[in-house]
Amino acid sequence: MRPNEITTLFEYGYWAFDRVWDSIQSLTDAQFAQELDYSRGSIRNQAVHMMSATQRWIIRINGGEMTARLANDDFPTKALTKAKWDELRVEAMKYLSTLSEADLDANIKWQLPERKMSAETRCWEILLHVANHATDHRAQILAMLNQHFHIETPEQDMIFFLREAR
């Protein structure tokens, strides 16, 4: 995998989530944090989980000191959550811009102690996992917006992003 391909994949993910944020803005802060009987519980919790997972995987790739997961309760409002989202987005894209093909092909040793799991995986495979993980949770948020709050959700197919980007 080439660096521009990984970057494009993440640019698409952030583009798609920008569209989801537009729909989320229709919610009150209480609705945003409302516990639902689905996946991570609330739309806020989904977003916090996505931010935390992306941040922690990038730390693992870099061999950095693992930080605690982001806490849902630290993000009581849409505005605070979006501000952190934007901050972590800048950090992720800045990191991705530094990667070479050799970096992407490097084997990364990682652990998930809470799942008693460890492995060695190529960097690009981990980044594909991170992008796919975000797509999964973005789709869950879209379902929550539509089913629980009856908010029309946006098109977010990659082909639309690619067409718009060109």
N, C-alpha and C. Protein backbone atom coordinates (compact mmCIF):
# COMPACT_ATOMS: atom_id res chain seq x y z
N MET A 1 0.85 -1.18 0.00
CA MET A 1 0.00 0.00 0.00
C MET A 1 0.90 1.24 0.00
N ARG A 2 0.50 2.23 -0.76
CA ARG A 2 1.28 3.46 -0.86
C ARG A 2 0.73 4.51 0.11
N PRO A 3 1.60 5.43 0.54
CA PRO A 3 1.17 6.45 1.51
C PRO A 3 -0.03 7.27 1.03
N ASN A 4 -0.06 7.63 -0.25
CA ASN A 4 -1.20 8.45 -0.73
C ASN A 4 -2.51 7.67 -0.68
N GLU A 5 -2.44 6.35 -0.81
CA GLU A 5 -3.66 5.54 -0.74
C GLU A 5 -4.22 5.50 0.69
N ILE A 6 -3.33 5.33 1.66
CA ILE A 6 -3.77 5.35 3.07
C ILE A 6 -4.32 6.72 3.41
N THR A 7 -3.64 7.77 2.97
CA THR A 7 -4.09 9.14 3.24
C THR A 7 -5.47 9.37 2.63
N THR A 8 -5.67 8.92 1.39
CA THR A 8 -6.97 9.08 0.74
C THR A 8 -8.06 8.36 1.53
N LEU A 9 -7.76 7.18 2.02
CA LEU A 9 -8.74 6.43 2.79
C LEU A 9 -9.15 7.19 4.05
N PHE A 10 -8.19 7.78 4.75
CA PHE A 10 -8.51 8.55 5.95
C PHE A 10 -9.20 9.87 5.60
N GLU A 11 -8.78 10.51 4.52
CA GLU A 11 -9.47 11.73 4.08
C GLU A 11 -10.93 11.44 3.80
N TYR A 12 -11.19 10.31 3.13
CA TYR A 12 -12.56 9.90 2.87
C TYR A 12 -13.32 9.71 4.18
N GLY A 13 -12.73 9.00 5.12
CA GLY A 13 -13.40 8.76 6.40
C GLY A 13 -13.76 10.04 7.12
N TYR A 14 -12.86 10.99 7.13
CA TYR A 14 -13.15 12.27 7.78
C TYR A 14 -14.18 13.07 6.98
N TRP A 15 -14.11 13.02 5.67
CA TRP A 15 -15.12 13.68 4.83
C TRP A 15 -16.50 13.12 5.14
N ALA A 16 -16.59 11.80 5.18
CA ALA A 16 -17.88 11.15 5.46
C ALA A 16 -18.37 11.52 6.85
N PHE A 17 -17.47 11.54 7.81
CA PHE A 17 -17.92 11.87 9.16
C PHE A 17 -18.29 13.34 9.28
N ASP A 18 -17.69 14.22 8.49
CA ASP A 18 -18.14 15.62 8.47
C ASP A 18 -19.61 15.69 8.10
N ARG A 19 -20.02 14.86 7.16
CA ARG A 19 -21.41 14.83 6.74
C ARG A 19 -22.30 14.30 7.87
N VAL A 20 -21.79 13.33 8.60
CA VAL A 20 -22.53 12.80 9.75
C VAL A 20 -22.64 13.87 10.84
N TRP A 21 -21.55 14.62 11.07
CA TRP A 21 -21.61 15.70 12.07
C TRP A 21 -22.70 16.70 11.71
N ASP A 22 -22.89 16.96 10.42
CA ASP A 22 -23.97 17.86 10.02
C ASP A 22 -25.32 17.33 10.51
N SER A 23 -25.54 16.03 10.42
CA SER A 23 -26.78 15.43 10.92
C SER A 23 -26.84 15.46 12.44
N ILE A 24 -25.72 15.21 13.08
CA ILE A 24 -25.67 15.22 14.55
C ILE A 24 -26.05 16.59 15.09
N GLN A 25 -25.75 17.64 14.34
CA GLN A 25 -26.07 18.99 14.81
C GLN A 25 -27.57 19.19 15.03
N SER A 26 -28.39 18.33 14.44
CA SER A 26 -29.85 18.41 14.64
C SER A 26 -30.26 17.96 16.04
N LEU A 27 -29.37 17.26 16.72
CA LEU A 27 -29.67 16.76 18.05
C LEU A 27 -29.40 17.80 19.12
N THR A 28 -30.09 17.69 20.22
CA THR A 28 -29.72 18.47 21.41
C THR A 28 -28.54 17.76 22.05
N ASP A 29 -27.87 18.42 22.98
CA ASP A 29 -26.79 17.76 23.69
C ASP A 29 -27.30 16.56 24.48
N ALA A 30 -28.51 16.66 25.02
CA ALA A 30 -29.10 15.55 25.76
C ALA A 30 -29.34 14.36 24.84
N GLN A 31 -29.84 14.60 23.65
CA GLN A 31 -30.05 13.51 22.70
C GLN A 31 -28.72 12.90 22.26
N PHE A 32 -27.73 13.74 22.06
CA PHE A 32 -26.40 13.30 21.65
C PHE A 32 -25.83 12.30 22.66
N ALA A 33 -26.05 12.56 23.94
CA ALA A 33 -25.52 11.70 25.01
C ALA A 33 -26.53 10.69 25.52
N GLN A 34 -27.72 10.67 24.94
CA GLN A 34 -28.79 9.77 25.40
C GLN A 34 -28.38 8.31 25.21
N GLU A 35 -28.52 7.54 26.29
CA GLU A 35 -28.21 6.12 26.22
C GLU A 35 -29.25 5.40 25.37
N LEU A 36 -28.78 4.66 24.40
CA LEU A 36 -29.64 3.87 23.53
C LEU A 36 -29.22 2.41 23.67
N ASP A 37 -30.12 1.52 23.42
CA ASP A 37 -29.83 0.10 23.53
C ASP A 37 -29.23 -0.40 22.21
N TYR A 38 -28.04 0.12 21.90
CA TYR A 38 -27.40 -0.23 20.64
C TYR A 38 -25.91 0.05 20.74
N SER A 39 -25.10 -0.89 20.41
CA SER A 39 -23.65 -0.77 20.33
C SER A 39 -23.05 -0.11 21.56
N ARG A 40 -22.48 1.06 21.43
CA ARG A 40 -21.78 1.74 22.53
C ARG A 40 -22.71 2.56 23.42
N GLY A 41 -23.98 2.58 23.12
CA GLY A 41 -24.96 3.24 23.99
C GLY A 41 -25.50 4.56 23.49
N SER A 42 -24.67 5.48 23.12
CA SER A 42 -25.12 6.79 22.65
C SER A 42 -24.30 7.19 21.44
N ILE A 43 -24.80 8.17 20.74
CA ILE A 43 -24.04 8.69 19.60
C ILE A 43 -22.73 9.29 20.09
N ARG A 44 -22.80 10.01 21.21
CA ARG A 44 -21.58 10.57 21.81
C ARG A 44 -20.57 9.47 22.10
N ASN A 45 -21.04 8.38 22.72
CA ASN A 45 -20.13 7.28 23.07
C ASN A 45 -19.49 6.66 21.84
N GLN A 46 -20.25 6.59 20.75
CA GLN A 46 -19.69 6.07 19.49
C GLN A 46 -18.54 6.96 19.02
N ALA A 47 -18.79 8.27 19.02
CA ALA A 47 -17.77 9.21 18.55
C ALA A 47 -16.53 9.17 19.44
N VAL A 48 -16.74 9.12 20.75
CA VAL A 48 -15.61 9.07 21.69
C VAL A 48 -14.83 7.77 21.49
N HIS A 49 -15.53 6.68 21.29
CA HIS A 49 -14.86 5.40 21.05
C HIS A 49 -14.01 5.46 19.78
N MET A 50 -14.55 6.05 18.72
CA MET A 50 -13.80 6.16 17.47
C MET A 50 -12.55 7.01 17.65
N MET A 51 -12.71 8.13 18.36
CA MET A 51 -11.54 9.00 18.60
C MET A 51 -10.48 8.26 19.39
N SER A 52 -10.91 7.61 20.44
CA SER A 52 -9.99 6.92 21.33
C SER A 52 -9.27 5.78 20.62
N ALA A 53 -10.02 4.99 19.87
CA ALA A 53 -9.43 3.86 19.16
C ALA A 53 -8.39 4.32 18.14
N THR A 54 -8.73 5.33 17.37
CA THR A 54 -7.78 5.85 16.37
C THR A 54 -6.53 6.37 17.05
N GLN A 55 -6.72 7.17 18.09
CA GLN A 55 -5.58 7.73 18.82
C GLN A 55 -4.69 6.61 19.38
N ARG A 56 -5.28 5.61 19.98
CA ARG A 56 -4.50 4.55 20.62
C ARG A 56 -3.79 3.66 19.60
N TRP A 57 -4.42 3.40 18.45
CA TRP A 57 -3.73 2.61 17.43
C TRP A 57 -2.53 3.37 16.87
N ILE A 58 -2.66 4.66 16.68
CA ILE A 58 -1.52 5.43 16.18
C ILE A 58 -0.40 5.44 17.22
N ILE A 59 -0.75 5.52 18.49
CA ILE A 59 0.27 5.42 19.54
C ILE A 59 0.96 4.06 19.48
N ARG A 60 0.18 2.98 19.31
CA ARG A 60 0.78 1.64 19.21
C ARG A 60 1.75 1.56 18.03
N ILE A 61 1.32 2.08 16.89
CA ILE A 61 2.17 2.03 15.70
C ILE A 61 3.49 2.74 15.95
N ASN A 62 3.43 3.86 16.66
CA ASN A 62 4.63 4.65 16.93
C ASN A 62 5.44 4.13 18.11
N GLY A 63 4.95 3.10 18.78
CA GLY A 63 5.67 2.56 19.93
C GLY A 63 5.64 3.49 21.13
N GLY A 64 4.66 4.38 21.16
CA GLY A 64 4.56 5.34 22.26
C GLY A 64 3.95 4.75 23.51
N GLU A 65 3.98 5.53 24.56
CA GLU A 65 3.40 5.15 25.84
C GLU A 65 1.87 5.20 25.72
N MET A 66 1.23 4.08 26.01
CA MET A 66 -0.22 3.99 25.85
C MET A 66 -0.92 4.90 26.85
N THR A 67 -1.86 5.66 26.33
CA THR A 67 -2.66 6.55 27.17
C THR A 67 -3.97 5.85 27.53
N ALA A 68 -4.63 6.37 28.53
CA ALA A 68 -5.94 5.84 28.90
C ALA A 68 -6.93 6.15 27.79
N ARG A 69 -7.95 5.34 27.70
CA ARG A 69 -9.02 5.62 26.74
C ARG A 69 -9.69 6.94 27.10
N LEU A 70 -10.18 7.62 26.10
CA LEU A 70 -10.96 8.83 26.36
C LEU A 70 -12.24 8.42 27.10
N ALA A 71 -12.63 9.25 28.06
CA ALA A 71 -13.82 8.95 28.86
C ALA A 71 -15.04 9.65 28.27
N ASN A 72 -16.11 8.91 28.10
CA ASN A 72 -17.34 9.47 27.54
C ASN A 72 -17.80 10.70 28.31
N ASP A 73 -17.74 10.62 29.63
CA ASP A 73 -18.26 11.71 30.47
C ASP A 73 -17.44 13.00 30.35
N ASP A 74 -16.25 12.92 29.77
CA ASP A 74 -15.46 14.13 29.54
C ASP A 74 -15.98 14.94 28.35
N PHE A 75 -16.99 14.41 27.67
CA PHE A 75 -17.54 15.04 26.47
C PHE A 75 -19.06 15.15 26.58
N PRO A 76 -19.54 16.03 27.47
CA PRO A 76 -20.98 16.13 27.70
C PRO A 76 -21.74 16.84 26.57
N THR A 77 -21.03 17.54 25.68
CA THR A 77 -21.71 18.30 24.64
C THR A 77 -21.17 17.93 23.25
N LYS A 78 -21.98 18.26 22.26
CA LYS A 78 -21.54 18.06 20.87
C LYS A 78 -20.31 18.93 20.59
N ALA A 79 -20.34 20.16 21.09
CA ALA A 79 -19.26 21.10 20.80
C ALA A 79 -17.92 20.60 21.35
N LEU A 80 -17.91 20.11 22.58
CA LEU A 80 -16.66 19.59 23.16
C LEU A 80 -16.18 18.35 22.40
N THR A 81 -17.11 17.52 22.04
CA THR A 81 -16.76 16.30 21.32
C THR A 81 -16.20 16.64 19.95
N LYS A 82 -16.86 17.54 19.25
CA LYS A 82 -16.40 17.93 17.91
C LYS A 82 -15.04 18.62 17.97
N ALA A 83 -14.81 19.42 18.99
CA ALA A 83 -13.51 20.09 19.13
C ALA A 83 -12.39 19.06 19.31
N LYS A 84 -12.62 18.05 20.13
CA LYS A 84 -11.62 17.00 20.32
C LYS A 84 -11.46 16.20 19.04
N TRP A 85 -12.59 15.90 18.38
CA TRP A 85 -12.54 15.19 17.10
C TRP A 85 -11.63 15.93 16.11
N ASP A 86 -11.84 17.24 15.99
CA ASP A 86 -11.05 18.04 15.05
C ASP A 86 -9.57 18.06 15.43
N GLU A 87 -9.29 18.14 16.72
CA GLU A 87 -7.90 18.13 17.20
C GLU A 87 -7.23 16.80 16.83
N LEU A 88 -7.89 15.68 17.11
CA LEU A 88 -7.32 14.37 16.82
C LEU A 88 -7.23 14.10 15.32
N ARG A 89 -8.16 14.67 14.57
CA ARG A 89 -8.12 14.55 13.11
C ARG A 89 -6.85 15.20 12.57
N VAL A 90 -6.53 16.39 13.03
CA VAL A 90 -5.31 17.08 12.60
C VAL A 90 -4.09 16.24 12.95
N GLU A 91 -4.06 15.72 14.16
CA GLU A 91 -2.92 14.89 14.58
C GLU A 91 -2.79 13.64 13.71
N ALA A 92 -3.90 12.97 13.43
CA ALA A 92 -3.86 11.75 12.62
C ALA A 92 -3.38 12.05 11.20
N MET A 93 -3.93 13.09 10.60
CA MET A 93 -3.54 13.41 9.23
C MET A 93 -2.09 13.88 9.16
N LYS A 94 -1.65 14.58 10.17
CA LYS A 94 -0.24 15.00 10.23
C LYS A 94 0.66 13.76 10.31
N TYR A 95 0.29 12.82 11.16
CA TYR A 95 1.05 11.58 11.27
C TYR A 95 1.07 10.83 9.93
N LEU A 96 -0.08 10.67 9.31
CA LEU A 96 -0.15 9.94 8.04
C LEU A 96 0.72 10.58 6.97
N SER A 97 0.83 11.90 7.01
CA SER A 97 1.63 12.61 5.99
C SER A 97 3.13 12.31 6.12
N THR A 98 3.55 11.73 7.23
CA THR A 98 4.97 11.43 7.43
C THR A 98 5.36 10.04 6.97
N LEU A 99 4.38 9.21 6.63
CA LEU A 99 4.66 7.80 6.35
C LEU A 99 5.20 7.57 4.94
N SER A 100 6.19 6.70 4.87
CA SER A 100 6.75 6.26 3.59
C SER A 100 6.23 4.84 3.33
N GLU A 101 6.50 4.33 2.13
CA GLU A 101 6.11 2.95 1.85
C GLU A 101 6.81 1.99 2.80
N ALA A 102 8.06 2.26 3.12
CA ALA A 102 8.79 1.40 4.06
C ALA A 102 8.12 1.43 5.44
N ASP A 103 7.68 2.61 5.86
CA ASP A 103 6.98 2.71 7.15
C ASP A 103 5.70 1.86 7.12
N LEU A 104 4.97 1.96 6.04
CA LEU A 104 3.71 1.22 5.93
C LEU A 104 3.93 -0.29 5.90
N ASP A 105 5.06 -0.73 5.34
CA ASP A 105 5.36 -2.16 5.27
C ASP A 105 5.99 -2.70 6.55
N ALA A 106 6.39 -1.83 7.45
CA ALA A 106 7.04 -2.27 8.69
C ALA A 106 6.09 -3.09 9.55
N ASN A 107 6.63 -4.12 10.18
CA ASN A 107 5.86 -4.92 11.11
C ASN A 107 5.79 -4.22 12.46
N ILE A 108 4.61 -4.18 13.02
CA ILE A 108 4.36 -3.51 14.29
C ILE A 108 3.92 -4.56 15.30
N LYS A 109 4.61 -4.61 16.43
CA LYS A 109 4.18 -5.49 17.52
C LYS A 109 3.20 -4.72 18.38
N TRP A 110 2.08 -5.33 18.68
CA TRP A 110 1.05 -4.65 19.46
C TRP A 110 0.40 -5.62 20.43
N GLN A 111 -0.26 -5.02 21.42
CA GLN A 111 -0.97 -5.80 22.44
C GLN A 111 -2.31 -5.15 22.75
N LEU A 112 -3.25 -5.98 23.06
CA LEU A 112 -4.53 -5.56 23.63
C LEU A 112 -4.67 -6.35 24.93
N PRO A 113 -4.06 -5.84 26.02
CA PRO A 113 -4.03 -6.61 27.27
C PRO A 113 -5.42 -6.98 27.79
N GLU A 114 -6.40 -6.08 27.59
CA GLU A 114 -7.75 -6.36 28.08
C GLU A 114 -8.38 -7.56 27.37
N ARG A 115 -7.87 -7.89 26.19
CA ARG A 115 -8.37 -9.06 25.45
C ARG A 115 -7.36 -10.19 25.42
N LYS A 116 -6.27 -9.99 26.18
CA LYS A 116 -5.19 -11.00 26.23
C LYS A 116 -4.75 -11.37 24.81
N MET A 117 -4.49 -10.33 24.02
CA MET A 117 -4.16 -10.51 22.61
C MET A 117 -2.91 -9.72 22.28
N SER A 118 -2.03 -10.34 21.51
CA SER A 118 -0.88 -9.64 20.97
C SER A 118 -0.55 -10.24 19.61
N ALA A 119 0.09 -9.44 18.79
CA ALA A 119 0.42 -9.90 17.44
C ALA A 119 1.46 -8.98 16.83
N GLU A 120 1.85 -9.33 15.65
CA GLU A 120 2.72 -8.49 14.83
C GLU A 120 2.02 -8.32 13.49
N THR A 121 1.81 -7.08 13.10
CA THR A 121 1.02 -6.78 11.91
C THR A 121 1.69 -5.63 11.16
N ARG A 122 1.61 -5.66 9.85
CA ARG A 122 2.19 -4.55 9.08
C ARG A 122 1.40 -3.27 9.36
N CYS A 123 2.11 -2.17 9.35
CA CYS A 123 1.52 -0.86 9.66
C CYS A 123 0.31 -0.58 8.78
N TRP A 124 0.41 -0.81 7.49
CA TRP A 124 -0.71 -0.49 6.60
C TRP A 124 -1.93 -1.32 6.92
N GLU A 125 -1.73 -2.55 7.41
CA GLU A 125 -2.86 -3.39 7.78
C GLU A 125 -3.57 -2.84 9.02
N ILE A 126 -2.79 -2.34 9.95
CA ILE A 126 -3.38 -1.72 11.14
C ILE A 126 -4.18 -0.48 10.73
N LEU A 127 -3.61 0.33 9.86
CA LEU A 127 -4.31 1.54 9.43
C LEU A 127 -5.57 1.21 8.65
N LEU A 128 -5.56 0.15 7.86
CA LEU A 128 -6.79 -0.29 7.19
C LEU A 128 -7.83 -0.71 8.24
N HIS A 129 -7.36 -1.40 9.28
CA HIS A 129 -8.27 -1.78 10.37
C HIS A 129 -8.89 -0.53 11.00
N VAL A 130 -8.07 0.48 11.27
CA VAL A 130 -8.56 1.70 11.91
C VAL A 130 -9.62 2.37 11.03
N ALA A 131 -9.35 2.47 9.75
CA ALA A 131 -10.31 3.10 8.82
C ALA A 131 -11.60 2.27 8.75
N ASN A 132 -11.48 0.96 8.68
CA ASN A 132 -12.65 0.09 8.62
C ASN A 132 -13.45 0.16 9.92
N HIS A 133 -12.76 0.21 11.03
CA HIS A 133 -13.41 0.33 12.34
C HIS A 133 -14.24 1.61 12.40
N ALA A 134 -13.68 2.70 11.90
CA ALA A 134 -14.40 3.97 11.90
C ALA A 134 -15.62 3.90 10.98
N THR A 135 -15.49 3.22 9.85
CA THR A 135 -16.64 3.07 8.95
C THR A 135 -17.76 2.30 9.64
N ASP A 136 -17.41 1.26 10.35
CA ASP A 136 -18.42 0.47 11.08
C ASP A 136 -19.18 1.33 12.08
N HIS A 137 -18.45 2.09 12.88
CA HIS A 137 -19.12 2.92 13.88
C HIS A 137 -19.86 4.11 13.26
N ARG A 138 -19.35 4.63 12.17
CA ARG A 138 -20.07 5.69 11.46
C ARG A 138 -21.41 5.16 10.97
N ALA A 139 -21.42 3.96 10.44
CA ALA A 139 -22.67 3.35 9.99
C ALA A 139 -23.63 3.13 11.15
N GLN A 140 -23.10 2.76 12.30
CA GLN A 140 -23.95 2.60 13.47
C GLN A 140 -24.57 3.93 13.89
N ILE A 141 -23.79 4.99 13.83
CA ILE A 141 -24.32 6.32 14.16
C ILE A 141 -25.42 6.70 13.18
N LEU A 142 -25.21 6.45 11.91
CA LEU A 142 -26.23 6.76 10.91
C LEU A 142 -27.52 6.00 11.22
N ALA A 143 -27.41 4.74 11.59
CA ALA A 143 -28.60 3.96 11.95
C ALA A 143 -29.28 4.55 13.18
N MET A 144 -28.50 4.95 14.17
CA MET A 144 -29.06 5.53 15.40
C MET A 144 -29.78 6.85 15.09
N LEU A 145 -29.17 7.68 14.26
CA LEU A 145 -29.80 8.94 13.89
C LEU A 145 -31.14 8.70 13.20
N ASN A 146 -31.15 7.75 12.31
CA ASN A 146 -32.36 7.48 11.54
C ASN A 146 -33.42 6.78 12.37
N GLN A 147 -33.06 5.73 13.06
CA GLN A 147 -34.05 4.90 13.76
C GLN A 147 -34.54 5.52 15.07
N HIS A 148 -33.65 6.17 15.81
CA HIS A 148 -34.04 6.69 17.12
C HIS A 148 -34.50 8.15 17.08
N PHE A 149 -33.94 8.92 16.15
CA PHE A 149 -34.24 10.34 16.13
C PHE A 149 -34.91 10.79 14.83
N HIS A 150 -35.12 9.84 13.91
CA HIS A 150 -35.82 10.09 12.65
C HIS A 150 -35.18 11.23 11.85
N ILE A 151 -33.86 11.25 11.87
CA ILE A 151 -33.08 12.25 11.13
C ILE A 151 -32.62 11.60 9.83
N GLU A 152 -32.89 12.28 8.73
CA GLU A 152 -32.43 11.78 7.44
C GLU A 152 -30.91 11.82 7.42
N THR A 153 -30.33 10.74 6.95
CA THR A 153 -28.88 10.64 6.97
C THR A 153 -28.30 10.88 5.57
N PRO A 154 -27.07 11.36 5.52
CA PRO A 154 -26.46 11.74 4.24
C PRO A 154 -25.87 10.56 3.49
N GLU A 155 -25.72 10.77 2.19
CA GLU A 155 -24.92 9.84 1.38
C GLU A 155 -23.49 9.98 1.87
N GLN A 156 -22.79 8.85 1.96
CA GLN A 156 -21.41 8.93 2.42
C GLN A 156 -20.53 7.89 1.73
N ASP A 157 -20.97 7.46 0.56
CA ASP A 157 -20.19 6.49 -0.19
C ASP A 157 -18.88 7.10 -0.67
N MET A 158 -17.85 6.28 -0.68
CA MET A 158 -16.53 6.74 -1.07
C MET A 158 -16.51 7.28 -2.51
N ILE A 159 -17.32 6.71 -3.38
CA ILE A 159 -17.32 7.16 -4.77
C ILE A 159 -17.72 8.64 -4.87
N PHE A 160 -18.61 9.08 -3.97
CA PHE A 160 -19.00 10.49 -3.95
C PHE A 160 -17.86 11.37 -3.49
N PHE A 161 -17.11 10.88 -2.51
CA PHE A 161 -15.92 11.61 -2.04
C PHE A 161 -14.91 11.73 -3.17
N LEU A 162 -14.64 10.63 -3.84
CA LEU A 162 -13.64 10.64 -4.91
C LEU A 162 -14.07 11.58 -6.04
N ARG A 163 -15.34 11.55 -6.38
CA ARG A 163 -15.85 12.45 -7.44
C ARG A 163 -15.68 13.90 -7.01
N GLU A 164 -16.06 14.19 -5.77
CA GLU A 164 -15.95 15.55 -5.25
C GLU A 164 -14.49 16.01 -5.15
N ALA A 165 -13.61 15.10 -4.76
CA ALA A 165 -12.18 15.43 -4.59
C ALA A 165 -11.52 15.74 -5.92
N ARG A 166 -12.05 15.16 -7.00
CA ARG A 166 -11.44 15.39 -8.32
C ARG A 166 -12.08 16.59 -8.96
